[in-house]
């Protein structure tokens, strides 16, 4: 576990993009992490909450490997 990467207790569902956003703080900078989903808002948020630590582990590895997209975000795959 990298002590310089902290995950914020916040999740957002972006309706038009069918996207779940969650956030990491890296050296004081807020990084948006996300994945695309086909689930409804309620199901997507419940699913994220039940797998939160898995998503955070995957995002942490991607941050450490500097796998940012062109917008400076980290995209992960939805866990099914």
PDB file of N, CA and C in Angstrom:
ATOM      1  N   UNK A   1       0.847  -1.191   0.000  1.00  0.00           N
ATOM      2  CA  UNK A   1       0.000   0.000   0.000  1.00  0.00           C
ATOM      3  C   UNK A   1       0.883   1.243   0.000  1.00  0.00           C
ATOM      4  N   UNK A   2       0.645   2.076  -0.945  1.00  0.00           N
ATOM      5  CA  UNK A   2       1.428   3.297  -1.090  1.00  0.00           C
ATOM      6  C   UNK A   2       0.831   4.387  -0.197  1.00  0.00           C
ATOM      7  N   UNK A   3       1.607   4.881   0.750  1.00  0.00           N
ATOM      8  CA  UNK A   3       1.128   5.877   1.702  1.00  0.00           C
ATOM      9  C   UNK A   3       0.893   7.243   1.067  1.00  0.00           C
ATOM     10  N   UNK A   4       1.489   7.494  -0.115  1.00  0.00           N
ATOM     11  CA  UNK A   4       1.303   8.793  -0.744  1.00  0.00           C
ATOM     12  C   UNK A   4       0.046   8.849  -1.616  1.00  0.00           C
ATOM     13  N   UNK A   5      -0.665   7.715  -1.739  1.00  0.00           N
ATOM     14  CA  UNK A   5      -1.922   7.662  -2.487  1.00  0.00           C
ATOM     15  C   UNK A   5      -3.049   7.400  -1.493  1.00  0.00           C
ATOM     16  N   UNK A   6      -3.935   8.376  -1.375  1.00  0.00           N
ATOM     17  CA  UNK A   6      -5.073   8.245  -0.460  1.00  0.00           C
ATOM     18  C   UNK A   6      -6.361   8.321  -1.268  1.00  0.00           C
ATOM     19  N   UNK A   7      -7.290   7.428  -0.980  1.00  0.00           N
ATOM     20  CA  UNK A   7      -8.577   7.455  -1.673  1.00  0.00           C
ATOM     21  C   UNK A   7      -9.594   8.214  -0.849  1.00  0.00           C
ATOM     22  N   UNK A   8     -10.300   9.091  -1.526  1.00  0.00           N
ATOM     23  CA  UNK A   8     -11.311   9.944  -0.915  1.00  0.00           C
ATOM     24  C   UNK A   8     -12.610   9.154  -0.839  1.00  0.00           C
ATOM     25  N   UNK A   9     -13.333   9.327   0.248  1.00  0.00           N
ATOM     26  CA  UNK A   9     -14.601   8.608   0.439  1.00  0.00           C
ATOM     27  C   UNK A   9     -15.704   9.327  -0.340  1.00  0.00           C
ATOM     28  N   UNK A  10     -15.640   9.208  -1.665  1.00  0.00           N
ATOM     29  CA  UNK A  10     -16.596   9.889  -2.546  1.00  0.00           C
ATOM     30  C   UNK A  10     -16.730   9.092  -3.836  1.00  0.00           C
ATOM     31  N   UNK A  11     -17.961   8.899  -4.253  1.00  0.00           N
ATOM     32  CA  UNK A  11     -18.229   8.209  -5.512  1.00  0.00           C
ATOM     33  C   UNK A  11     -19.320   8.973  -6.254  1.00  0.00           C
ATOM     34  N   UNK A  12     -19.188   9.050  -7.577  1.00  0.00           N
ATOM     35  CA  UNK A  12     -20.173   9.745  -8.402  1.00  0.00           C
ATOM     36  C   UNK A  12     -20.589   8.837  -9.550  1.00  0.00           C
ATOM     37  N   UNK A  13     -21.858   8.923  -9.904  1.00  0.00           N
ATOM     38  CA  UNK A  13     -22.363   8.233 -11.089  1.00  0.00           C
ATOM     39  C   UNK A  13     -22.683   9.303 -12.126  1.00  0.00           C
ATOM     40  N   UNK A  14     -22.070   9.215 -13.280  1.00  0.00           N
ATOM     41  CA  UNK A  14     -22.286  10.174 -14.352  1.00  0.00           C
ATOM     42  C   UNK A  14     -23.275   9.537 -15.329  1.00  0.00           C
ATOM     43  N   UNK A  15     -24.507  10.019 -15.293  1.00  0.00           N
ATOM     44  CA  UNK A  15     -25.610   9.391 -16.029  1.00  0.00           C
ATOM     45  C   UNK A  15     -25.363   9.321 -17.524  1.00  0.00           C
ATOM     46  N   UNK A  16     -25.024  10.436 -18.156  1.00  0.00           N
ATOM     47  CA  UNK A  16     -24.916  10.444 -19.617  1.00  0.00           C
ATOM     48  C   UNK A  16     -23.758   9.593 -20.134  1.00  0.00           C
ATOM     49  N   UNK A  17     -22.750   9.380 -19.319  1.00  0.00           N
ATOM     50  CA  UNK A  17     -21.596   8.567 -19.725  1.00  0.00           C
ATOM     51  C   UNK A  17     -21.672   7.146 -19.172  1.00  0.00           C
ATOM     52  N   UNK A  18     -22.653   6.881 -18.285  1.00  0.00           N
ATOM     53  CA  UNK A  18     -22.736   5.578 -17.599  1.00  0.00           C
ATOM     54  C   UNK A  18     -21.363   5.253 -17.002  1.00  0.00           C
ATOM     55  N   UNK A  19     -20.945   6.142 -16.124  1.00  0.00           N
ATOM     56  CA  UNK A  19     -19.585   6.087 -15.598  1.00  0.00           C
ATOM     57  C   UNK A  19     -19.609   6.259 -14.091  1.00  0.00           C
ATOM     58  N   UNK A  20     -18.796   5.492 -13.409  1.00  0.00           N
ATOM     59  CA  UNK A  20     -18.569   5.636 -11.968  1.00  0.00           C
ATOM     60  C   UNK A  20     -17.229   6.331 -11.783  1.00  0.00           C
ATOM     61  N   UNK A  21     -17.237   7.438 -11.066  1.00  0.00           N
ATOM     62  CA  UNK A  21     -16.011   8.152 -10.708  1.00  0.00           C
ATOM     63  C   UNK A  21     -15.717   7.925  -9.236  1.00  0.00           C
ATOM     64  N   UNK A  22     -14.469   7.686  -8.928  1.00  0.00           N
ATOM     65  CA  UNK A  22     -13.985   7.693  -7.548  1.00  0.00           C
ATOM     66  C   UNK A  22     -12.649   8.416  -7.578  1.00  0.00           C
ATOM     67  N   UNK A  23     -12.150   8.812  -6.434  1.00  0.00           N
ATOM     68  CA  UNK A  23     -11.068   9.788  -6.431  1.00  0.00           C
ATOM     69  C   UNK A  23      -9.916   9.381  -5.509  1.00  0.00           C
ATOM     70  N   UNK A  24      -8.715   9.711  -5.992  1.00  0.00           N
ATOM     71  CA  UNK A  24      -7.506   9.473  -5.210  1.00  0.00           C
ATOM     72  C   UNK A  24      -6.789  10.800  -5.045  1.00  0.00           C
ATOM     73  N   UNK A  25      -6.151  10.960  -3.917  1.00  0.00           N
ATOM     74  CA  UNK A  25      -5.319  12.131  -3.687  1.00  0.00           C
ATOM     75  C   UNK A  25      -3.870  11.666  -3.751  1.00  0.00           C
ATOM     76  N   UNK A  26      -3.128  12.274  -4.679  1.00  0.00           N
ATOM     77  CA  UNK A  26      -1.738  11.901  -4.902  1.00  0.00           C
ATOM     78  C   UNK A  26      -0.894  13.158  -4.760  1.00  0.00           C
ATOM     79  N   UNK A  27      -0.068  13.181  -3.737  1.00  0.00           N
ATOM     80  CA  UNK A  27       0.791  14.347  -3.479  1.00  0.00           C
ATOM     81  C   UNK A  27      -0.007  15.646  -3.513  1.00  0.00           C
ATOM     82  N   UNK A  28      -1.189  15.631  -2.908  1.00  0.00           N
ATOM     83  CA  UNK A  28      -2.024  16.812  -2.800  1.00  0.00           C
ATOM     84  C   UNK A  28      -2.918  17.077  -3.999  1.00  0.00           C
ATOM     85  N   UNK A  29      -2.762  16.322  -5.072  1.00  0.00           N
ATOM     86  CA  UNK A  29      -3.565  16.510  -6.278  1.00  0.00           C
ATOM     87  C   UNK A  29      -4.690  15.473  -6.321  1.00  0.00           C
ATOM     88  N   UNK A  30      -5.905  15.927  -6.651  1.00  0.00           N
ATOM     89  CA  UNK A  30      -7.050  15.030  -6.747  1.00  0.00           C
ATOM     90  C   UNK A  30      -7.082  14.401  -8.136  1.00  0.00           C
ATOM     91  N   UNK A  31      -7.039  13.083  -8.181  1.00  0.00           N
ATOM     92  CA  UNK A  31      -7.042  12.329  -9.432  1.00  0.00           C
ATOM     93  C   UNK A  31      -8.381  11.614  -9.562  1.00  0.00           C
ATOM     94  N   UNK A  32      -9.023  11.772 -10.710  1.00  0.00           N
ATOM     95  CA  UNK A  32     -10.266  11.067 -10.977  1.00  0.00           C
ATOM     96  C   UNK A  32      -9.938   9.682 -11.514  1.00  0.00           C
ATOM     97  N   UNK A  33     -10.520   8.686 -10.872  1.00  0.00           N
ATOM     98  CA  UNK A  33     -10.429   7.304 -11.330  1.00  0.00           C
ATOM     99  C   UNK A  33     -11.849   6.926 -11.756  1.00  0.00           C
ATOM    100  N   UNK A  34     -11.975   6.101 -12.776  1.00  0.00           N
ATOM    101  CA  UNK A  34     -13.319   5.786 -13.243  1.00  0.00           C
ATOM    102  C   UNK A  34     -13.370   4.456 -13.977  1.00  0.00           C
ATOM    103  N   UNK A  35     -14.593   3.974 -14.128  1.00  0.00           N
ATOM    104  CA  UNK A  35     -14.858   2.857 -15.031  1.00  0.00           C
ATOM    105  C   UNK A  35     -16.239   3.046 -15.630  1.00  0.00           C
ATOM    106  N   UNK A  36     -16.424   2.472 -16.798  1.00  0.00           N
ATOM    107  CA  UNK A  36     -17.700   2.534 -17.499  1.00  0.00           C
ATOM    108  C   UNK A  36     -18.555   1.346 -17.065  1.00  0.00           C
ATOM    109  N   UNK A  37     -19.857   1.567 -16.996  1.00  0.00           N
ATOM    110  CA  UNK A  37     -20.769   0.522 -16.545  1.00  0.00           C
ATOM    111  C   UNK A  37     -22.054   0.555 -17.351  1.00  0.00           C
ATOM    112  N   UNK A  38     -22.747  -0.548 -17.363  1.00  0.00           N
ATOM    113  CA  UNK A  38     -24.061  -0.610 -18.012  1.00  0.00           C
ATOM    114  C   UNK A  38     -25.169  -0.676 -16.969  1.00  0.00           C
ATOM    115  N   UNK A  39     -24.797  -0.598 -15.710  1.00  0.00           N
ATOM    116  CA  UNK A  39     -25.761  -0.721 -14.626  1.00  0.00           C
ATOM    117  C   UNK A  39     -26.492   0.601 -14.366  1.00  0.00           C
ATOM    118  N   UNK A  40     -27.653   0.481 -13.721  1.00  0.00           N
ATOM    119  CA  UNK A  40     -28.375   1.666 -13.279  1.00  0.00           C
ATOM    120  C   UNK A  40     -27.574   2.342 -12.166  1.00  0.00           C
ATOM    121  N   UNK A  41     -27.917   3.588 -11.876  1.00  0.00           N
ATOM    122  CA  UNK A  41     -27.198   4.342 -10.849  1.00  0.00           C
ATOM    123  C   UNK A  41     -27.180   3.600  -9.515  1.00  0.00           C
ATOM    124  N   UNK A  42     -28.338   3.152  -9.074  1.00  0.00           N
ATOM    125  CA  UNK A  42     -28.431   2.491  -7.765  1.00  0.00           C
ATOM    126  C   UNK A  42     -27.587   1.219  -7.720  1.00  0.00           C
ATOM    127  N   UNK A  43     -27.700   0.390  -8.759  1.00  0.00           N
ATOM    128  CA  UNK A  43     -26.936  -0.857  -8.789  1.00  0.00           C
ATOM    129  C   UNK A  43     -25.445  -0.603  -8.938  1.00  0.00           C
ATOM    130  N   UNK A  44     -25.088   0.373  -9.748  1.00  0.00           N
ATOM    131  CA  UNK A  44     -23.674   0.679  -9.967  1.00  0.00           C
ATOM    132  C   UNK A  44     -23.011   1.155  -8.678  1.00  0.00           C
ATOM    133  N   UNK A  45     -23.688   2.009  -7.936  1.00  0.00           N
ATOM    134  CA  UNK A  45     -23.109   2.509  -6.683  1.00  0.00           C
ATOM    135  C   UNK A  45     -23.020   1.388  -5.646  1.00  0.00           C
ATOM    136  N   UNK A  46     -24.049   0.559  -5.550  1.00  0.00           N
ATOM    137  CA  UNK A  46     -23.991  -0.590  -4.625  1.00  0.00           C
ATOM    138  C   UNK A  46     -22.848  -1.522  -4.991  1.00  0.00           C
ATOM    139  N   UNK A  47     -22.717  -1.775  -6.292  1.00  0.00           N
ATOM    140  CA  UNK A  47     -21.658  -2.660  -6.760  1.00  0.00           C
ATOM    141  C   UNK A  47     -20.288  -2.068  -6.443  1.00  0.00           C
ATOM    142  N   UNK A  48     -20.116  -0.760  -6.687  1.00  0.00           N
ATOM    143  CA  UNK A  48     -18.843  -0.117  -6.365  1.00  0.00           C
ATOM    144  C   UNK A  48     -18.542  -0.253  -4.882  1.00  0.00           C
ATOM    145  N   UNK A  49     -19.514   0.045  -4.046  1.00  0.00           N
ATOM    146  CA  UNK A  49     -19.294  -0.017  -2.592  1.00  0.00           C
ATOM    147  C   UNK A  49     -18.882  -1.423  -2.148  1.00  0.00           C
ATOM    148  N   UNK A  50     -19.450  -2.445  -2.764  1.00  0.00           N
ATOM    149  CA  UNK A  50     -19.118  -3.815  -2.358  1.00  0.00           C
ATOM    150  C   UNK A  50     -17.725  -4.243  -2.828  1.00  0.00           C
ATOM    151  N   UNK A  51     -17.198  -3.569  -3.856  1.00  0.00           N
ATOM    152  CA  UNK A  51     -15.884  -3.916  -4.409  1.00  0.00           C
ATOM    153  C   UNK A  51     -14.893  -2.757  -4.307  1.00  0.00           C
ATOM    154  N   UNK A  52     -15.200  -1.818  -3.463  1.00  0.00           N
ATOM    155  CA  UNK A  52     -14.429  -0.575  -3.350  1.00  0.00           C
ATOM    156  C   UNK A  52     -12.927  -0.814  -3.188  1.00  0.00           C
ATOM    157  N   UNK A  53     -12.546  -1.696  -2.299  1.00  0.00           N
ATOM    158  CA  UNK A  53     -11.122  -1.900  -2.026  1.00  0.00           C
ATOM    159  C   UNK A  53     -10.424  -2.555  -3.214  1.00  0.00           C
ATOM    160  N   UNK A  54     -11.140  -3.398  -3.962  1.00  0.00           N
ATOM    161  CA  UNK A  54     -10.558  -3.989  -5.168  1.00  0.00           C
ATOM    162  C   UNK A  54     -10.313  -2.911  -6.223  1.00  0.00           C
ATOM    163  N   UNK A  55     -11.307  -2.040  -6.427  1.00  0.00           N
ATOM    164  CA  UNK A  55     -11.139  -0.941  -7.378  1.00  0.00           C
ATOM    165  C   UNK A  55      -9.988  -0.028  -6.960  1.00  0.00           C
ATOM    166  N   UNK A  56      -9.897   0.266  -5.675  1.00  0.00           N
ATOM    167  CA  UNK A  56      -8.827   1.131  -5.193  1.00  0.00           C
ATOM    168  C   UNK A  56      -7.459   0.491  -5.395  1.00  0.00           C
ATOM    169  N   UNK A  57      -7.346  -0.820  -5.177  1.00  0.00           N
ATOM    170  CA  UNK A  57      -6.071  -1.514  -5.400  1.00  0.00           C
ATOM    171  C   UNK A  57      -5.658  -1.444  -6.868  1.00  0.00           C
ATOM    172  N   UNK A  58      -6.621  -1.660  -7.761  1.00  0.00           N
ATOM    173  CA  UNK A  58      -6.331  -1.615  -9.198  1.00  0.00           C
ATOM    174  C   UNK A  58      -5.919  -0.198  -9.606  1.00  0.00           C
ATOM    175  N   UNK A  59      -6.661   0.799  -9.124  1.00  0.00           N
ATOM    176  CA  UNK A  59      -6.349   2.193  -9.447  1.00  0.00           C
ATOM    177  C   UNK A  59      -4.994   2.595  -8.869  1.00  0.00           C
ATOM    178  N   UNK A  60      -4.696   2.141  -7.667  1.00  0.00           N
ATOM    179  CA  UNK A  60      -3.404   2.463  -7.048  1.00  0.00           C
ATOM    180  C   UNK A  60      -2.253   1.939  -7.901  1.00  0.00           C
ATOM    181  N   UNK A  61      -2.376   0.724  -8.388  1.00  0.00           N
ATOM    182  CA  UNK A  61      -1.329   0.158  -9.252  1.00  0.00           C
ATOM    183  C   UNK A  61      -1.184   0.962 -10.533  1.00  0.00           C
ATOM    184  N   UNK A  62      -2.320   1.374 -11.111  1.00  0.00           N
ATOM    185  CA  UNK A  62      -2.285   2.170 -12.341  1.00  0.00           C
ATOM    186  C   UNK A  62      -1.642   3.537 -12.094  1.00  0.00           C
ATOM    187  N   UNK A  63      -1.923   4.128 -10.947  1.00  0.00           N
ATOM    188  CA  UNK A  63      -1.316   5.416 -10.593  1.00  0.00           C
ATOM    189  C   UNK A  63       0.191   5.247 -10.430  1.00  0.00           C
ATOM    190  N   UNK A  64       0.602   4.207  -9.730  1.00  0.00           N
ATOM    191  CA  UNK A  64       2.030   3.959  -9.533  1.00  0.00           C
ATOM    192  C   UNK A  64       2.748   3.749 -10.868  1.00  0.00           C
ATOM    193  N   UNK A  65       2.047   3.124 -11.825  1.00  0.00           N
ATOM    194  CA  UNK A  65       2.615   2.877 -13.151  1.00  0.00           C
ATOM    195  C   UNK A  65       2.404   4.059 -14.101  1.00  0.00           C
ATOM    196  N   UNK A  66       1.776   5.124 -13.572  1.00  0.00           N
ATOM    197  CA  UNK A  66       1.519   6.355 -14.331  1.00  0.00           C
ATOM    198  C   UNK A  66       0.731   6.098 -15.612  1.00  0.00           C
ATOM    199  N   UNK A  67      -0.345   5.333 -15.505  1.00  0.00           N
ATOM    200  CA  UNK A  67      -1.185   4.978 -16.648  1.00  0.00           C
ATOM    201  C   UNK A  67      -2.349   5.957 -16.804  1.00  0.00           C
ATOM    202  N   UNK A  68      -2.043   7.223 -16.808  1.00  0.00           N
ATOM    203  CA  UNK A  68      -3.048   8.273 -16.931  1.00  0.00           C
ATOM    204  C   UNK A  68      -3.493   8.394 -18.388  1.00  0.00           C
ATOM    205  N   UNK A  69      -4.772   8.722 -18.595  1.00  0.00           N
ATOM    206  CA  UNK A  69      -5.239   9.005 -19.953  1.00  0.00           C
ATOM    207  C   UNK A  69      -4.898  10.459 -20.310  1.00  0.00           C
ATOM    208  N   UNK A  70      -5.350  10.908 -21.468  1.00  0.00           N
ATOM    209  CA  UNK A  70      -5.021  12.266 -21.928  1.00  0.00           C
ATOM    210  C   UNK A  70      -5.596  13.360 -21.033  1.00  0.00           C
ATOM    211  N   UNK A  71      -6.654  13.039 -20.266  1.00  0.00           N
ATOM    212  CA  UNK A  71      -7.262  14.008 -19.350  1.00  0.00           C
ATOM    213  C   UNK A  71      -6.666  13.923 -17.938  1.00  0.00           C
ATOM    214  N   UNK A  72      -5.653  13.082 -17.760  1.00  0.00           N
ATOM    215  CA  UNK A  72      -5.023  12.937 -16.450  1.00  0.00           C
ATOM    216  C   UNK A  72      -5.816  12.063 -15.500  1.00  0.00           C
ATOM    217  N   UNK A  73      -6.676  11.210 -16.051  1.00  0.00           N
ATOM    218  CA  UNK A  73      -7.518  10.316 -15.242  1.00  0.00           C
ATOM    219  C   UNK A  73      -6.989   8.890 -15.339  1.00  0.00           C
ATOM    220  N   UNK A  74      -7.454   8.092 -14.401  1.00  0.00           N
ATOM    221  CA  UNK A  74      -7.121   6.674 -14.390  1.00  0.00           C
ATOM    222  C   UNK A  74      -8.391   5.886 -14.709  1.00  0.00           C
ATOM    223  N   UNK A  75      -8.350   5.121 -15.796  1.00  0.00           N
ATOM    224  CA  UNK A  75      -9.497   4.283 -16.151  1.00  0.00           C
ATOM    225  C   UNK A  75      -9.194   2.848 -15.771  1.00  0.00           C
ATOM    226  N   UNK A  76     -10.154   2.218 -15.100  1.00  0.00           N
ATOM    227  CA  UNK A  76     -10.032   0.806 -14.742  1.00  0.00           C
ATOM    228  C   UNK A  76     -11.198   0.048 -15.376  1.00  0.00           C
ATOM    229  N   UNK A  77     -11.072  -1.251 -15.442  1.00  0.00           N
ATOM    230  CA  UNK A  77     -12.149  -2.085 -15.960  1.00  0.00           C
ATOM    231  C   UNK A  77     -13.167  -2.345 -14.871  1.00  0.00           C
ATOM    232  N   UNK A  78     -14.435  -2.434 -15.263  1.00  0.00           N
ATOM    233  CA  UNK A  78     -15.477  -2.785 -14.307  1.00  0.00           C
ATOM    234  C   UNK A  78     -15.286  -4.229 -13.866  1.00  0.00           C
ATOM    235  N   UNK A  79     -15.375  -4.474 -12.583  1.00  0.00           N
ATOM    236  CA  UNK A  79     -15.281  -5.816 -12.032  1.00  0.00           C
ATOM    237  C   UNK A  79     -16.663  -6.467 -12.044  1.00  0.00           C
ATOM    238  N   UNK A  80     -16.756  -7.578 -12.699  1.00  0.00           N
ATOM    239  CA  UNK A  80     -18.057  -8.264 -12.796  1.00  0.00           C
ATOM    240  C   UNK A  80     -18.160  -9.407 -11.829  1.00  0.00           C
TER     241      UNK A  80
END
